[in-house]
Amino acid sequence: MKFIIIGLGNFGSTLGLRLVEDGHEVLGVDENMSIVNLFQDKLTHTVCTDTTDELAVQRLPLTDTDIVIISIGENVGASVTTTALIKKYCSAKIISRAISPVHHTILEAMGIKDIIHPEAEFADQLATRLIVDGALRTLVLDNKFEIVEVVLPASLEGQTIAEASLREKYDISIVTILKKRERRNILGTKVERKEVAGVPRPDMVFQDNDTLVLFGKMQNIQAFLKETGE
């Protein structure tokens, strides 16, 4: 897929690098030349331009992209103006970053449906990770249930899903298993990525370096990690 990321701060640049590693084409846009130079050899393409300038926005390859991500931080005015111009000239999917409730409301009023709050979302995930010892990443579904990534406890290595009996013992389910794989990205650099093993089967065997994606109540996942940990 082809992405345009406007704003190469911590969030935008990290997202862009991850997308490139996964084999996608990323055009990074920022008004700061030093930042553009920093990522010119790491992203597929980079452009230094002011996206609050209508003519500058028109020069972007908006008709040849799948998704435009506006990740400008701090400057709400620049974000809103850029979003308005992108929306005017682009028919692709638009994702905008909001940095405050007011900013979110403005983007909603502009008709932007995909609005993200990376700092708030990370804070929620971090809070749960601090509570659930051993959690790598989390997704809170409501006040009771969560989807949590955890490193396979060494005590389960070599067992099958059926033998581990997580549902029977802890009332939690395995959504899938992530396997570590090494491959080359679009720039030819070797990267280690986690690949989804698919729908879990009872005869699947747990292996070293597996990551389990679990679904259940927080206290049950905590109990599982406590009892199976070393």
C-alpha atoms as a PDB file:
ATOM      1  CA  MET A   1       0.000   0.000   0.000  1.00  0.00           C
ATOM      2  CA  LYS A   2       0.976   3.643  -0.433  1.00  0.00           C
ATOM      3  CA  PHE A   3       0.914   6.040   2.505  1.00  0.00           C
ATOM      4  CA  ILE A   4       1.519   9.752   2.934  1.00  0.00           C
ATOM      5  CA  ILE A   5       2.476  10.755   6.474  1.00  0.00           C
ATOM      6  CA  ILE A   6       2.391  14.476   7.192  1.00  0.00           C
ATOM      7  CA  GLY A   7       4.393  15.376  10.288  1.00  0.00           C
ATOM      8  CA  LEU A   8       7.526  13.363  11.027  1.00  0.00           C
ATOM      9  CA  GLY A   9       7.691  13.821  14.781  1.00  0.00           C
ATOM     10  CA  ASN A  10       8.066  10.864  17.130  1.00  0.00           C
ATOM     11  CA  PHE A  11       4.696   9.349  16.229  1.00  0.00           C
ATOM     12  CA  GLY A  12       4.728  10.019  12.489  1.00  0.00           C
ATOM     13  CA  SER A  13       8.317   8.897  11.942  1.00  0.00           C
ATOM     14  CA  THR A  14       7.906   5.739  14.025  1.00  0.00           C
ATOM     15  CA  LEU A  15       4.756   4.832  12.127  1.00  0.00           C
ATOM     16  CA  GLY A  16       6.454   5.492   8.804  1.00  0.00           C
ATOM     17  CA  LEU A  17       9.470   3.355   9.628  1.00  0.00           C
ATOM     18  CA  ARG A  18       7.235   0.476  10.717  1.00  0.00           C
ATOM     19  CA  LEU A  19       5.195   0.657   7.517  1.00  0.00           C
ATOM     20  CA  VAL A  20       8.367   0.641   5.394  1.00  0.00           C
ATOM     21  CA  GLU A  21       9.697  -2.359   7.313  1.00  0.00           C
ATOM     22  CA  ASP A  22       6.473  -4.169   6.508  1.00  0.00           C
ATOM     23  CA  GLY A  23       7.012  -3.534   2.797  1.00  0.00           C
ATOM     24  CA  HIS A  24       4.770  -0.521   2.198  1.00  0.00           C
ATOM     25  CA  GLU A  25       5.613   2.659   0.321  1.00  0.00           C
ATOM     26  CA  VAL A  26       5.732   5.758   2.527  1.00  0.00           C
ATOM     27  CA  LEU A  27       6.057   9.412   1.548  1.00  0.00           C
ATOM     28  CA  GLY A  28       7.080  11.398   4.621  1.00  0.00           C
ATOM     29  CA  VAL A  29       6.247  15.112   4.655  1.00  0.00           C
ATOM     30  CA  ASP A  30       7.500  17.739   7.092  1.00  0.00           C
ATOM     31  CA  GLU A  31       8.199  21.475   6.988  1.00  0.00           C
ATOM     32  CA  ASN A  32      11.499  21.061   8.866  1.00  0.00           C
ATOM     33  CA  MET A  33      14.330  20.315   6.421  1.00  0.00           C
ATOM     34  CA  SER A  34      16.597  18.809   9.071  1.00  0.00           C
ATOM     35  CA  ILE A  35      13.907  16.256   9.951  1.00  0.00           C
ATOM     36  CA  VAL A  36      13.295  15.469   6.287  1.00  0.00           C
ATOM     37  CA  ASN A  37      17.037  14.904   5.766  1.00  0.00           C
ATOM     38  CA  LEU A  38      17.110  12.606   8.796  1.00  0.00           C
ATOM     39  CA  PHE A  39      14.565  10.242   7.226  1.00  0.00           C
ATOM     40  CA  GLN A  40      15.342  10.607   3.527  1.00  0.00           C
ATOM     41  CA  ASP A  41      17.224   7.285   3.433  1.00  0.00           C
ATOM     42  CA  LYS A  42      14.850   5.499   5.805  1.00  0.00           C
ATOM     43  CA  LEU A  43      11.475   6.206   4.243  1.00  0.00           C
ATOM     44  CA  THR A  44      10.598   5.509   0.612  1.00  0.00           C
ATOM     45  CA  HIS A  45      10.363   9.212  -0.222  1.00  0.00           C
ATOM     46  CA  THR A  46      10.529  12.450   1.768  1.00  0.00           C
ATOM     47  CA  VAL A  47       9.377  15.979   0.973  1.00  0.00           C
ATOM     48  CA  CYS A  48      10.004  19.251   2.779  1.00  0.00           C
ATOM     49  CA  THR A  49       6.968  21.473   2.393  1.00  0.00           C
ATOM     50  CA  ASP A  50       4.440  23.579   4.295  1.00  0.00           C
ATOM     51  CA  THR A  51       1.138  21.698   4.136  1.00  0.00           C
ATOM     52  CA  THR A  52      -0.833  24.769   5.255  1.00  0.00           C
ATOM     53  CA  ASP A  53      -0.024  26.149   1.790  1.00  0.00           C
ATOM     54  CA  GLU A  54      -2.737  25.115  -0.670  1.00  0.00           C
ATOM     55  CA  LEU A  55      -0.399  25.077  -3.674  1.00  0.00           C
ATOM     56  CA  ALA A  56       2.084  22.904  -1.781  1.00  0.00           C
ATOM     57  CA  VAL A  57      -0.655  20.413  -0.916  1.00  0.00           C
ATOM     58  CA  GLN A  58      -1.780  20.266  -4.547  1.00  0.00           C
ATOM     59  CA  ARG A  59       1.738  19.210  -5.531  1.00  0.00           C
ATOM     60  CA  LEU A  60       1.601  16.113  -3.317  1.00  0.00           C
ATOM     61  CA  PRO A  61       0.750  12.804  -5.071  1.00  0.00           C
ATOM     62  CA  LEU A  62      -2.707  12.667  -3.463  1.00  0.00           C
ATOM     63  CA  THR A  63      -4.299  10.779  -6.348  1.00  0.00           C
ATOM     64  CA  ASP A  64      -1.692   8.035  -6.106  1.00  0.00           C
ATOM     65  CA  THR A  65      -1.987   7.080  -2.457  1.00  0.00           C
ATOM     66  CA  ASP A  66      -4.172   4.776  -0.367  1.00  0.00           C
ATOM     67  CA  ILE A  67      -4.089   6.500   3.017  1.00  0.00           C
ATOM     68  CA  VAL A  68      -3.045   9.959   4.209  1.00  0.00           C
ATOM     69  CA  ILE A  69      -2.082  10.237   7.883  1.00  0.00           C
ATOM     70  CA  ILE A  70      -1.910  13.726   9.362  1.00  0.00           C
ATOM     71  CA  SER A  71       0.255  13.329  12.456  1.00  0.00           C
ATOM     72  CA  ILE A  72       1.113  16.973  13.156  1.00  0.00           C
ATOM     73  CA  GLY A  73       1.555  17.466  16.886  1.00  0.00           C
ATOM     74  CA  GLU A  74       1.242  20.579  19.092  1.00  0.00           C
ATOM     75  CA  ASN A  75       0.211  23.011  16.337  1.00  0.00           C
ATOM     76  CA  VAL A  76      -3.565  22.568  16.184  1.00  0.00           C
ATOM     77  CA  GLY A  77      -3.960  25.322  13.602  1.00  0.00           C
ATOM     78  CA  ALA A  78      -1.522  23.660  11.196  1.00  0.00           C
ATOM     79  CA  SER A  79      -3.192  20.300  11.726  1.00  0.00           C
ATOM     80  CA  VAL A  80      -6.692  21.633  11.053  1.00  0.00           C
ATOM     81  CA  THR A  81      -5.614  23.635   7.991  1.00  0.00           C
ATOM     82  CA  THR A  82      -3.687  20.677   6.574  1.00  0.00           C
ATOM     83  CA  THR A  83      -6.603  18.331   7.189  1.00  0.00           C
ATOM     84  CA  ALA A  84      -8.997  20.710   5.430  1.00  0.00           C
ATOM     85  CA  LEU A  85      -6.727  21.003   2.383  1.00  0.00           C
ATOM     86  CA  ILE A  86      -6.086  17.268   2.191  1.00  0.00           C
ATOM     87  CA  LYS A  87      -9.815  16.617   2.436  1.00  0.00           C
ATOM     88  CA  LYS A  88     -10.415  19.114  -0.385  1.00  0.00           C
ATOM     89  CA  TYR A  89      -7.976  17.528  -2.828  1.00  0.00           C
ATOM     90  CA  CYS A  90      -7.772  13.883  -1.755  1.00  0.00           C
ATOM     91  CA  SER A  91     -10.325  11.076  -2.092  1.00  0.00           C
ATOM     92  CA  ALA A  92      -8.183   8.534  -0.234  1.00  0.00           C
ATOM     93  CA  LYS A  93      -8.752   7.549   3.382  1.00  0.00           C
ATOM     94  CA  ILE A  94      -7.684  10.301   5.805  1.00  0.00           C
ATOM     95  CA  ILE A  95      -6.522   9.644   9.367  1.00  0.00           C
ATOM     96  CA  SER A  96      -5.902  12.658  11.593  1.00  0.00           C
ATOM     97  CA  ARG A  97      -4.194  12.852  14.955  1.00  0.00           C
ATOM     98  CA  ALA A  98      -5.968  14.846  17.674  1.00  0.00           C
ATOM     99  CA  ILE A  99      -4.002  16.265  20.586  1.00  0.00           C
ATOM    100  CA  SER A 100      -6.905  17.568  22.674  1.00  0.00           C
ATOM    101  CA  PRO A 101     -10.674  17.114  23.069  1.00  0.00           C
ATOM    102  CA  VAL A 102     -11.282  20.448  21.304  1.00  0.00           C
ATOM    103  CA  HIS A 103      -9.037  19.388  18.422  1.00  0.00           C
ATOM    104  CA  HIS A 104     -10.992  16.129  18.186  1.00  0.00           C
ATOM    105  CA  THR A 105     -14.290  18.040  18.064  1.00  0.00           C
ATOM    106  CA  ILE A 106     -13.023  20.277  15.257  1.00  0.00           C
ATOM    107  CA  LEU A 107     -11.883  17.275  13.213  1.00  0.00           C
ATOM    108  CA  GLU A 108     -15.259  15.614  13.759  1.00  0.00           C
ATOM    109  CA  ALA A 109     -17.038  18.756  12.583  1.00  0.00           C
ATOM    110  CA  MET A 110     -14.886  18.642   9.445  1.00  0.00           C
ATOM    111  CA  GLY A 111     -16.188  15.173   8.681  1.00  0.00           C
ATOM    112  CA  ILE A 112     -13.034  13.251   9.587  1.00  0.00           C
ATOM    113  CA  LYS A 113     -14.110   9.778  10.715  1.00  0.00           C
ATOM    114  CA  ASP A 114     -10.723   8.288  11.585  1.00  0.00           C
ATOM    115  CA  ILE A 115      -9.292  10.304  14.481  1.00  0.00           C
ATOM    116  CA  ILE A 116      -6.496   8.889  16.615  1.00  0.00           C
ATOM    117  CA  HIS A 117      -5.132   9.799  20.045  1.00  0.00           C
ATOM    118  CA  PRO A 118      -1.772   7.978  20.182  1.00  0.00           C
ATOM    119  CA  GLU A 119      -0.661   9.459  23.502  1.00  0.00           C
ATOM    120  CA  ALA A 120      -3.932   8.656  25.267  1.00  0.00           C
ATOM    121  CA  GLU A 121      -4.091   5.175  23.743  1.00  0.00           C
ATOM    122  CA  PHE A 122      -0.511   4.467  24.782  1.00  0.00           C
ATOM    123  CA  ALA A 123      -1.240   5.717  28.303  1.00  0.00           C
ATOM    124  CA  ASP A 124      -4.177   3.300  28.594  1.00  0.00           C
ATOM    125  CA  GLN A 125      -2.069   0.419  27.332  1.00  0.00           C
ATOM    126  CA  LEU A 126       0.847   1.324  29.589  1.00  0.00           C
ATOM    127  CA  ALA A 127      -1.438   1.466  32.641  1.00  0.00           C
ATOM    128  CA  THR A 128      -2.658  -2.055  31.948  1.00  0.00           C
ATOM    129  CA  ARG A 129       0.870  -3.310  31.238  1.00  0.00           C
ATOM    130  CA  LEU A 130       1.978  -1.963  34.612  1.00  0.00           C
ATOM    131  CA  ILE A 131      -0.925  -3.745  36.294  1.00  0.00           C
ATOM    132  CA  VAL A 132      -0.596  -7.033  34.379  1.00  0.00           C
ATOM    133  CA  ASP A 133       2.974  -8.135  35.048  1.00  0.00           C
ATOM    134  CA  GLY A 134       4.388  -9.790  31.929  1.00  0.00           C
ATOM    135  CA  ALA A 135       2.061  -8.119  29.399  1.00  0.00           C
ATOM    136  CA  LEU A 136       3.684  -6.815  26.200  1.00  0.00           C
ATOM    137  CA  ARG A 137       0.723  -5.044  24.630  1.00  0.00           C
ATOM    138  CA  THR A 138      -2.896  -4.746  25.629  1.00  0.00           C
ATOM    139  CA  LEU A 139      -6.270  -3.808  24.206  1.00  0.00           C
ATOM    140  CA  VAL A 140      -8.960  -2.947  26.732  1.00  0.00           C
ATOM    141  CA  LEU A 141     -12.381  -3.971  25.396  1.00  0.00           C
ATOM    142  CA  ASP A 142     -14.365  -2.791  28.420  1.00  0.00           C
ATOM    143  CA  ASN A 143     -13.911  -2.671  32.178  1.00  0.00           C
ATOM    144  CA  LYS A 144     -13.703  -6.465  32.417  1.00  0.00           C
ATOM    145  CA  PHE A 145     -12.229  -8.062  29.307  1.00  0.00           C
ATOM    146  CA  GLU A 146      -8.922  -7.457  27.560  1.00  0.00           C
ATOM    147  CA  ILE A 147      -6.784  -8.806  24.754  1.00  0.00           C
ATOM    148  CA  VAL A 148      -3.202  -9.093  25.977  1.00  0.00           C
ATOM    149  CA  GLU A 149       0.070 -10.150  24.321  1.00  0.00           C
ATOM    150  CA  VAL A 150       2.386 -12.092  26.635  1.00  0.00           C
ATOM    151  CA  VAL A 151       5.641 -13.949  26.193  1.00  0.00           C
ATOM    152  CA  LEU A 152       5.138 -17.710  26.355  1.00  0.00           C
ATOM    153  CA  PRO A 153       5.985 -18.901  29.876  1.00  0.00           C
ATOM    154  CA  ALA A 154       8.924 -21.315  29.701  1.00  0.00           C
ATOM    155  CA  SER A 155       6.912 -23.923  31.591  1.00  0.00           C
ATOM    156  CA  LEU A 156       4.535 -24.284  28.613  1.00  0.00           C
ATOM    157  CA  GLU A 157       7.197 -24.775  25.962  1.00  0.00           C
ATOM    158  CA  GLY A 158       6.658 -28.064  24.136  1.00  0.00           C
ATOM    159  CA  GLN A 159       3.057 -28.432  25.258  1.00  0.00           C
ATOM    160  CA  THR A 160       0.079 -28.309  22.906  1.00  0.00           C
ATOM    161  CA  ILE A 161      -2.764 -25.869  23.311  1.00  0.00           C
ATOM    162  CA  ALA A 162      -4.986 -28.752  24.388  1.00  0.00           C
ATOM    163  CA  GLU A 163      -2.488 -29.878  27.037  1.00  0.00           C
ATOM    164  CA  ALA A 164      -2.139 -26.362  28.450  1.00  0.00           C
ATOM    165  CA  SER A 165      -5.932 -26.179  28.986  1.00  0.00           C
ATOM    166  CA  LEU A 166      -5.944 -22.417  29.544  1.00  0.00           C
ATOM    167  CA  ARG A 167      -9.690 -22.123  29.116  1.00  0.00           C
ATOM    168  CA  GLU A 168     -10.418 -24.865  31.618  1.00  0.00           C
ATOM    169  CA  LYS A 169      -7.813 -23.785  34.176  1.00  0.00           C
ATOM    170  CA  TYR A 170      -7.965 -19.986  33.936  1.00  0.00           C
ATOM    171  CA  ASP A 171     -11.057 -19.179  31.840  1.00  0.00           C
ATOM    172  CA  ILE A 172      -8.947 -17.419  29.191  1.00  0.00           C
ATOM    173  CA  SER A 173      -8.718 -18.113  25.468  1.00  0.00           C
ATOM    174  CA  ILE A 174      -5.804 -18.047  23.031  1.00  0.00           C
ATOM    175  CA  VAL A 175      -6.742 -15.761  20.145  1.00  0.00           C
ATOM    176  CA  THR A 176      -3.620 -16.663  18.186  1.00  0.00           C
ATOM    177  CA  ILE A 177       0.141 -17.214  18.506  1.00  0.00           C
ATOM    178  CA  LEU A 178       2.756 -14.814  17.130  1.00  0.00           C
ATOM    179  CA  LYS A 179       5.901 -16.428  15.720  1.00  0.00           C
ATOM    180  CA  LYS A 180       9.183 -14.562  15.269  1.00  0.00           C
ATOM    181  CA  ARG A 181      10.432 -14.533  11.671  1.00  0.00           C
ATOM    182  CA  GLU A 182      13.434 -12.827  10.071  1.00  0.00           C
ATOM    183  CA  ARG A 183      13.036 -11.245   6.648  1.00  0.00           C
ATOM    184  CA  ARG A 184      14.262  -8.323   4.564  1.00  0.00           C
ATOM    185  CA  ASN A 185      12.309  -5.103   4.284  1.00  0.00           C
ATOM    186  CA  ILE A 186      11.889  -2.932   1.191  1.00  0.00           C
ATOM    187  CA  LEU A 187      15.331  -1.365   1.831  1.00  0.00           C
ATOM    188  CA  GLY A 188      17.026  -4.784   2.013  1.00  0.00           C
ATOM    189  CA  THR A 189      17.655  -4.615   5.743  1.00  0.00           C
ATOM    190  CA  LYS A 190      17.076  -7.736   7.833  1.00  0.00           C
ATOM    191  CA  VAL A 191      14.293  -7.209  10.350  1.00  0.00           C
ATOM    192  CA  GLU A 192      12.687  -9.515  12.872  1.00  0.00           C
ATOM    193  CA  ARG A 193       8.915  -9.466  12.778  1.00  0.00           C
ATOM    194  CA  LYS A 194       6.139 -11.361  14.509  1.00  0.00           C
ATOM    195  CA  GLU A 195       3.876 -13.292  12.156  1.00  0.00           C
ATOM    196  CA  VAL A 196       0.417 -14.523  13.038  1.00  0.00           C
ATOM    197  CA  ALA A 197       0.242 -18.308  13.199  1.00  0.00           C
ATOM    198  CA  GLY A 198      -3.435 -18.309  12.278  1.00  0.00           C
ATOM    199  CA  VAL A 199      -6.440 -19.699  14.085  1.00  0.00           C
ATOM    200  CA  PRO A 200      -5.146 -21.757  17.037  1.00  0.00           C
ATOM    201  CA  ARG A 201      -5.729 -25.516  16.862  1.00  0.00           C
ATOM    202  CA  PRO A 202      -5.699 -27.888  19.851  1.00  0.00           C
ATOM    203  CA  ASP A 203      -2.637 -29.719  18.439  1.00  0.00           C
ATOM    204  CA  MET A 204      -0.502 -26.573  17.999  1.00  0.00           C
ATOM    205  CA  VAL A 205       2.743 -26.882  19.970  1.00  0.00           C
ATOM    206  CA  PHE A 206       4.146 -23.964  21.949  1.00  0.00           C
ATOM    207  CA  GLN A 207       7.704 -23.054  20.912  1.00  0.00           C
ATOM    208  CA  ASP A 208      10.469 -20.889  22.326  1.00  0.00           C
ATOM    209  CA  ASN A 209      10.011 -17.162  21.565  1.00  0.00           C
ATOM    210  CA  ASP A 210       6.277 -17.546  20.949  1.00  0.00           C
ATOM    211  CA  THR A 211       4.011 -14.656  21.922  1.00  0.00           C
ATOM    212  CA  LEU A 212       0.515 -15.563  23.078  1.00  0.00           C
ATOM    213  CA  VAL A 213      -2.434 -13.315  22.311  1.00  0.00           C
ATOM    214  CA  LEU A 214      -4.888 -13.959  25.137  1.00  0.00           C
ATOM    215  CA  PHE A 215      -8.499 -12.940  25.697  1.00  0.00           C
ATOM    216  CA  GLY A 216     -10.095 -12.845  29.124  1.00  0.00           C
ATOM    217  CA  LYS A 217     -10.531 -10.976  32.366  1.00  0.00           C
ATOM    218  CA  MET A 218      -7.528  -9.120  33.744  1.00  0.00           C
ATOM    219  CA  GLN A 219      -7.459 -11.039  37.012  1.00  0.00           C
ATOM    220  CA  ASN A 220      -7.535 -14.390  35.188  1.00  0.00           C
ATOM    221  CA  ILE A 221      -4.659 -13.414  32.906  1.00  0.00           C
ATOM    222  CA  GLN A 222      -2.726 -12.228  35.951  1.00  0.00           C
ATOM    223  CA  ALA A 223      -3.369 -15.558  37.682  1.00  0.00           C
ATOM    224  CA  PHE A 224      -2.180 -17.465  34.604  1.00  0.00           C
ATOM    225  CA  LEU A 225       1.062 -15.474  34.371  1.00  0.00           C
ATOM    226  CA  LYS A 226       1.716 -15.802  38.095  1.00  0.00           C
ATOM    227  CA  GLU A 227       1.196 -19.571  38.217  1.00  0.00           C
ATOM    228  CA  THR A 228       3.082 -20.420  35.032  1.00  0.00           C
ATOM    229  CA  GLY A 229       5.950 -17.944  35.493  1.00  0.00           C
ATOM    230  CA  GLU A 230       9.267 -18.836  36.987  1.00  0.00           C
END
